[in-house]
């Protein structure tokens, strides 16, 4: 099954309406996105907890890395640059952190608050190579903006 992004966006909007707690929002988004598509093997947030440091937030799937510095891995690159990281082959990504050996490709989106500050990254891993598209990044990025930058 592949994600029905129209339904997913409407569901997340309805479930998160009026909620302001970031962890509650992250947990809800993670659950909905993770179960929306068979390509999504691990789905979750890494929160910016101090300058240059990400710590694991709500996630679904196997264990994740607990701490990721901005200067390491795909998640660190997204946090450091503020840019989407669409990685078709994690083995080819310099400095990739193998939190799970099953991960073959990865999509990481920066999460910004209403002021534009990066507060987290949203990480989706797949056990399939080249699993993600620009459409995935665009639609999921719009959902994150709607929830966190309101």
C-alpha atoms as a PDB file:
ATOM      1  CA  UNK A   1       0.000   0.000   0.000  1.00  0.00           C
ATOM      2  CA  UNK A   2       1.203   3.501  -0.785  1.00  0.00           C
ATOM      3  CA  UNK A   3       0.127   6.599   1.069  1.00  0.00           C
ATOM      4  CA  UNK A   4      -3.099   8.325   0.119  1.00  0.00           C
ATOM      5  CA  UNK A   5      -1.714  11.758   0.887  1.00  0.00           C
ATOM      6  CA  UNK A   6      -5.018  13.624   0.569  1.00  0.00           C
ATOM      7  CA  UNK A   7      -6.620  11.412   3.211  1.00  0.00           C
ATOM      8  CA  UNK A   8      -3.482  11.429   5.356  1.00  0.00           C
ATOM      9  CA  UNK A   9      -3.310  15.249   5.365  1.00  0.00           C
ATOM     10  CA  UNK A  10      -7.001  15.550   6.285  1.00  0.00           C
ATOM     11  CA  UNK A  11      -6.695  12.932   9.032  1.00  0.00           C
ATOM     12  CA  UNK A  12      -3.643  14.576  10.579  1.00  0.00           C
ATOM     13  CA  UNK A  13      -5.271  18.019  10.393  1.00  0.00           C
ATOM     14  CA  UNK A  14      -8.371  16.721  12.180  1.00  0.00           C
ATOM     15  CA  UNK A  15      -6.412  14.838  14.844  1.00  0.00           C
ATOM     16  CA  UNK A  16      -4.045  17.718  15.629  1.00  0.00           C
ATOM     17  CA  UNK A  17      -6.501  20.616  15.484  1.00  0.00           C
ATOM     18  CA  UNK A  18      -6.173  22.773  18.581  1.00  0.00           C
ATOM     19  CA  UNK A  19      -3.262  20.779  20.054  1.00  0.00           C
ATOM     20  CA  UNK A  20      -0.175  22.779  20.988  1.00  0.00           C
ATOM     21  CA  UNK A  21       1.995  20.200  22.751  1.00  0.00           C
ATOM     22  CA  UNK A  22       4.822  19.382  20.348  1.00  0.00           C
ATOM     23  CA  UNK A  23       5.403  15.848  21.651  1.00  0.00           C
ATOM     24  CA  UNK A  24       1.699  14.999  21.328  1.00  0.00           C
ATOM     25  CA  UNK A  25       1.728  16.365  17.778  1.00  0.00           C
ATOM     26  CA  UNK A  26       4.862  14.392  16.915  1.00  0.00           C
ATOM     27  CA  UNK A  27       3.427  11.167  18.328  1.00  0.00           C
ATOM     28  CA  UNK A  28       0.209  11.546  16.335  1.00  0.00           C
ATOM     29  CA  UNK A  29       1.961  12.381  13.066  1.00  0.00           C
ATOM     30  CA  UNK A  30       4.411   9.520  13.506  1.00  0.00           C
ATOM     31  CA  UNK A  31       1.632   6.992  14.039  1.00  0.00           C
ATOM     32  CA  UNK A  32      -0.441   8.166  11.092  1.00  0.00           C
ATOM     33  CA  UNK A  33       2.465   8.418   8.640  1.00  0.00           C
ATOM     34  CA  UNK A  34       4.079   5.153   9.708  1.00  0.00           C
ATOM     35  CA  UNK A  35       0.925   3.145   9.056  1.00  0.00           C
ATOM     36  CA  UNK A  36       0.063   4.943   5.797  1.00  0.00           C
ATOM     37  CA  UNK A  37       2.630   3.311   3.535  1.00  0.00           C
ATOM     38  CA  UNK A  38       4.389  -0.058   3.334  1.00  0.00           C
ATOM     39  CA  UNK A  39       7.645   1.646   2.323  1.00  0.00           C
ATOM     40  CA  UNK A  40       7.925   3.283   5.746  1.00  0.00           C
ATOM     41  CA  UNK A  41       9.965   0.905   7.906  1.00  0.00           C
ATOM     42  CA  UNK A  42      10.912   3.399  10.653  1.00  0.00           C
ATOM     43  CA  UNK A  43       9.211   6.736  11.194  1.00  0.00           C
ATOM     44  CA  UNK A  44       9.925   9.319  13.850  1.00  0.00           C
ATOM     45  CA  UNK A  45      11.152  12.635  15.103  1.00  0.00           C
ATOM     46  CA  UNK A  46      14.497  13.759  16.418  1.00  0.00           C
ATOM     47  CA  UNK A  47      14.066  16.917  18.515  1.00  0.00           C
ATOM     48  CA  UNK A  48      16.556  19.752  18.800  1.00  0.00           C
ATOM     49  CA  UNK A  49      17.276  19.687  22.540  1.00  0.00           C
ATOM     50  CA  UNK A  50      20.333  21.954  22.605  1.00  0.00           C
ATOM     51  CA  UNK A  51      22.399  23.730  19.974  1.00  0.00           C
ATOM     52  CA  UNK A  52      23.850  21.204  17.540  1.00  0.00           C
ATOM     53  CA  UNK A  53      22.145  18.173  19.111  1.00  0.00           C
ATOM     54  CA  UNK A  54      19.148  16.009  18.250  1.00  0.00           C
ATOM     55  CA  UNK A  55      17.511  13.562  20.675  1.00  0.00           C
ATOM     56  CA  UNK A  56      15.016  10.913  19.760  1.00  0.00           C
ATOM     57  CA  UNK A  57      11.364  11.809  20.030  1.00  0.00           C
ATOM     58  CA  UNK A  58       8.210   9.849  19.277  1.00  0.00           C
ATOM     59  CA  UNK A  59       8.805   7.072  16.748  1.00  0.00           C
ATOM     60  CA  UNK A  60       7.452   3.805  15.374  1.00  0.00           C
ATOM     61  CA  UNK A  61       9.496   0.847  14.202  1.00  0.00           C
ATOM     62  CA  UNK A  62      12.606  -0.707  15.708  1.00  0.00           C
ATOM     63  CA  UNK A  63      14.927   1.145  18.047  1.00  0.00           C
ATOM     64  CA  UNK A  64      16.443   4.414  16.912  1.00  0.00           C
ATOM     65  CA  UNK A  65      19.620   6.266  17.802  1.00  0.00           C
ATOM     66  CA  UNK A  66      19.152   8.176  21.040  1.00  0.00           C
ATOM     67  CA  UNK A  67      21.370  11.161  20.225  1.00  0.00           C
ATOM     68  CA  UNK A  68      22.530  12.551  16.873  1.00  0.00           C
ATOM     69  CA  UNK A  69      24.878  15.535  16.587  1.00  0.00           C
ATOM     70  CA  UNK A  70      24.140  17.982  13.760  1.00  0.00           C
ATOM     71  CA  UNK A  71      27.481  17.061  12.166  1.00  0.00           C
ATOM     72  CA  UNK A  72      26.639  13.366  11.715  1.00  0.00           C
ATOM     73  CA  UNK A  73      24.304  11.391   9.487  1.00  0.00           C
ATOM     74  CA  UNK A  74      21.305  12.219   7.366  1.00  0.00           C
ATOM     75  CA  UNK A  75      19.283  13.608  10.289  1.00  0.00           C
ATOM     76  CA  UNK A  76      22.169  15.815  11.342  1.00  0.00           C
ATOM     77  CA  UNK A  77      22.496  17.136   7.789  1.00  0.00           C
ATOM     78  CA  UNK A  78      18.788  18.044   7.668  1.00  0.00           C
ATOM     79  CA  UNK A  79      19.012  19.829  11.022  1.00  0.00           C
ATOM     80  CA  UNK A  80      22.278  21.591  10.184  1.00  0.00           C
ATOM     81  CA  UNK A  81      21.287  22.798   6.697  1.00  0.00           C
ATOM     82  CA  UNK A  82      17.529  23.141   7.177  1.00  0.00           C
ATOM     83  CA  UNK A  83      17.099  21.271   3.893  1.00  0.00           C
ATOM     84  CA  UNK A  84      15.258  18.073   3.006  1.00  0.00           C
ATOM     85  CA  UNK A  85      17.536  15.056   2.695  1.00  0.00           C
ATOM     86  CA  UNK A  86      16.270  12.490   0.175  1.00  0.00           C
ATOM     87  CA  UNK A  87      18.790   9.653   0.186  1.00  0.00           C
ATOM     88  CA  UNK A  88      18.199   6.780  -2.275  1.00  0.00           C
ATOM     89  CA  UNK A  89      21.144   4.728  -0.922  1.00  0.00           C
ATOM     90  CA  UNK A  90      22.235   5.326   2.674  1.00  0.00           C
ATOM     91  CA  UNK A  91      25.498   3.443   2.082  1.00  0.00           C
ATOM     92  CA  UNK A  92      26.511   6.184  -0.367  1.00  0.00           C
ATOM     93  CA  UNK A  93      25.777   9.005   2.105  1.00  0.00           C
ATOM     94  CA  UNK A  94      29.003  10.221   3.761  1.00  0.00           C
ATOM     95  CA  UNK A  95      28.774   9.809   7.531  1.00  0.00           C
ATOM     96  CA  UNK A  96      25.535   7.845   7.509  1.00  0.00           C
ATOM     97  CA  UNK A  97      24.669   6.543  10.973  1.00  0.00           C
ATOM     98  CA  UNK A  98      23.345   2.978  10.857  1.00  0.00           C
ATOM     99  CA  UNK A  99      20.806   3.038  13.678  1.00  0.00           C
ATOM    100  CA  UNK A 100      19.227  -0.005  12.001  1.00  0.00           C
ATOM    101  CA  UNK A 101      21.102  -2.270   9.606  1.00  0.00           C
ATOM    102  CA  UNK A 102      17.924  -2.835   7.575  1.00  0.00           C
ATOM    103  CA  UNK A 103      17.745   0.787   6.378  1.00  0.00           C
ATOM    104  CA  UNK A 104      18.456   1.145   2.649  1.00  0.00           C
ATOM    105  CA  UNK A 105      17.031   4.620   1.896  1.00  0.00           C
ATOM    106  CA  UNK A 106      15.953   7.604   3.936  1.00  0.00           C
ATOM    107  CA  UNK A 107      13.897  10.784   3.796  1.00  0.00           C
ATOM    108  CA  UNK A 108      14.508  13.445   6.456  1.00  0.00           C
ATOM    109  CA  UNK A 109      12.558  16.688   6.612  1.00  0.00           C
ATOM    110  CA  UNK A 110      13.390  19.682   8.800  1.00  0.00           C
ATOM    111  CA  UNK A 111      10.524  20.720  11.090  1.00  0.00           C
ATOM    112  CA  UNK A 112      10.130  24.451  11.687  1.00  0.00           C
ATOM    113  CA  UNK A 113       8.050  26.382  14.176  1.00  0.00           C
ATOM    114  CA  UNK A 114       6.047  29.514  13.302  1.00  0.00           C
ATOM    115  CA  UNK A 115       9.198  31.670  13.519  1.00  0.00           C
ATOM    116  CA  UNK A 116      11.034  29.443  11.011  1.00  0.00           C
ATOM    117  CA  UNK A 117      13.381  27.920  13.586  1.00  0.00           C
ATOM    118  CA  UNK A 118      14.251  24.234  13.091  1.00  0.00           C
ATOM    119  CA  UNK A 119      12.840  22.459  16.158  1.00  0.00           C
ATOM    120  CA  UNK A 120      13.191  18.861  14.958  1.00  0.00           C
ATOM    121  CA  UNK A 121      13.627  16.613  11.973  1.00  0.00           C
ATOM    122  CA  UNK A 122      11.140  14.033  10.752  1.00  0.00           C
ATOM    123  CA  UNK A 123      12.942  10.866   9.696  1.00  0.00           C
ATOM    124  CA  UNK A 124      11.489   8.107   7.541  1.00  0.00           C
ATOM    125  CA  UNK A 125      13.591   5.034   6.796  1.00  0.00           C
ATOM    126  CA  UNK A 126      12.852   2.274   4.322  1.00  0.00           C
ATOM    127  CA  UNK A 127      14.255  -1.210   3.995  1.00  0.00           C
ATOM    128  CA  UNK A 128      13.897  -0.718   0.219  1.00  0.00           C
ATOM    129  CA  UNK A 129      16.509   1.123  -1.869  1.00  0.00           C
ATOM    130  CA  UNK A 130      15.406   4.362  -3.554  1.00  0.00           C
ATOM    131  CA  UNK A 131      12.016   4.206  -1.820  1.00  0.00           C
ATOM    132  CA  UNK A 132      11.208   7.920  -1.638  1.00  0.00           C
ATOM    133  CA  UNK A 133      10.176  10.533  -4.188  1.00  0.00           C
ATOM    134  CA  UNK A 134      10.118  14.297  -4.408  1.00  0.00           C
ATOM    135  CA  UNK A 135       6.324  14.034  -4.025  1.00  0.00           C
ATOM    136  CA  UNK A 136       6.787  12.297  -0.659  1.00  0.00           C
ATOM    137  CA  UNK A 137       9.045  15.127   0.471  1.00  0.00           C
ATOM    138  CA  UNK A 138       6.725  17.873  -0.798  1.00  0.00           C
ATOM    139  CA  UNK A 139       3.507  16.501   0.664  1.00  0.00           C
ATOM    140  CA  UNK A 140       4.987  15.456   4.008  1.00  0.00           C
ATOM    141  CA  UNK A 141       6.769  18.804   4.270  1.00  0.00           C
ATOM    142  CA  UNK A 142       3.462  20.611   3.735  1.00  0.00           C
ATOM    143  CA  UNK A 143       1.805  18.506   6.448  1.00  0.00           C
ATOM    144  CA  UNK A 144       4.628  19.342   8.893  1.00  0.00           C
ATOM    145  CA  UNK A 145       4.346  23.043   8.071  1.00  0.00           C
ATOM    146  CA  UNK A 146       0.575  22.986   8.584  1.00  0.00           C
ATOM    147  CA  UNK A 147       0.969  21.389  12.019  1.00  0.00           C
ATOM    148  CA  UNK A 148       4.074  23.026  13.491  1.00  0.00           C
ATOM    149  CA  UNK A 149       4.307  26.445  11.820  1.00  0.00           C
ATOM    150  CA  UNK A 150       0.743  27.613  12.447  1.00  0.00           C
END
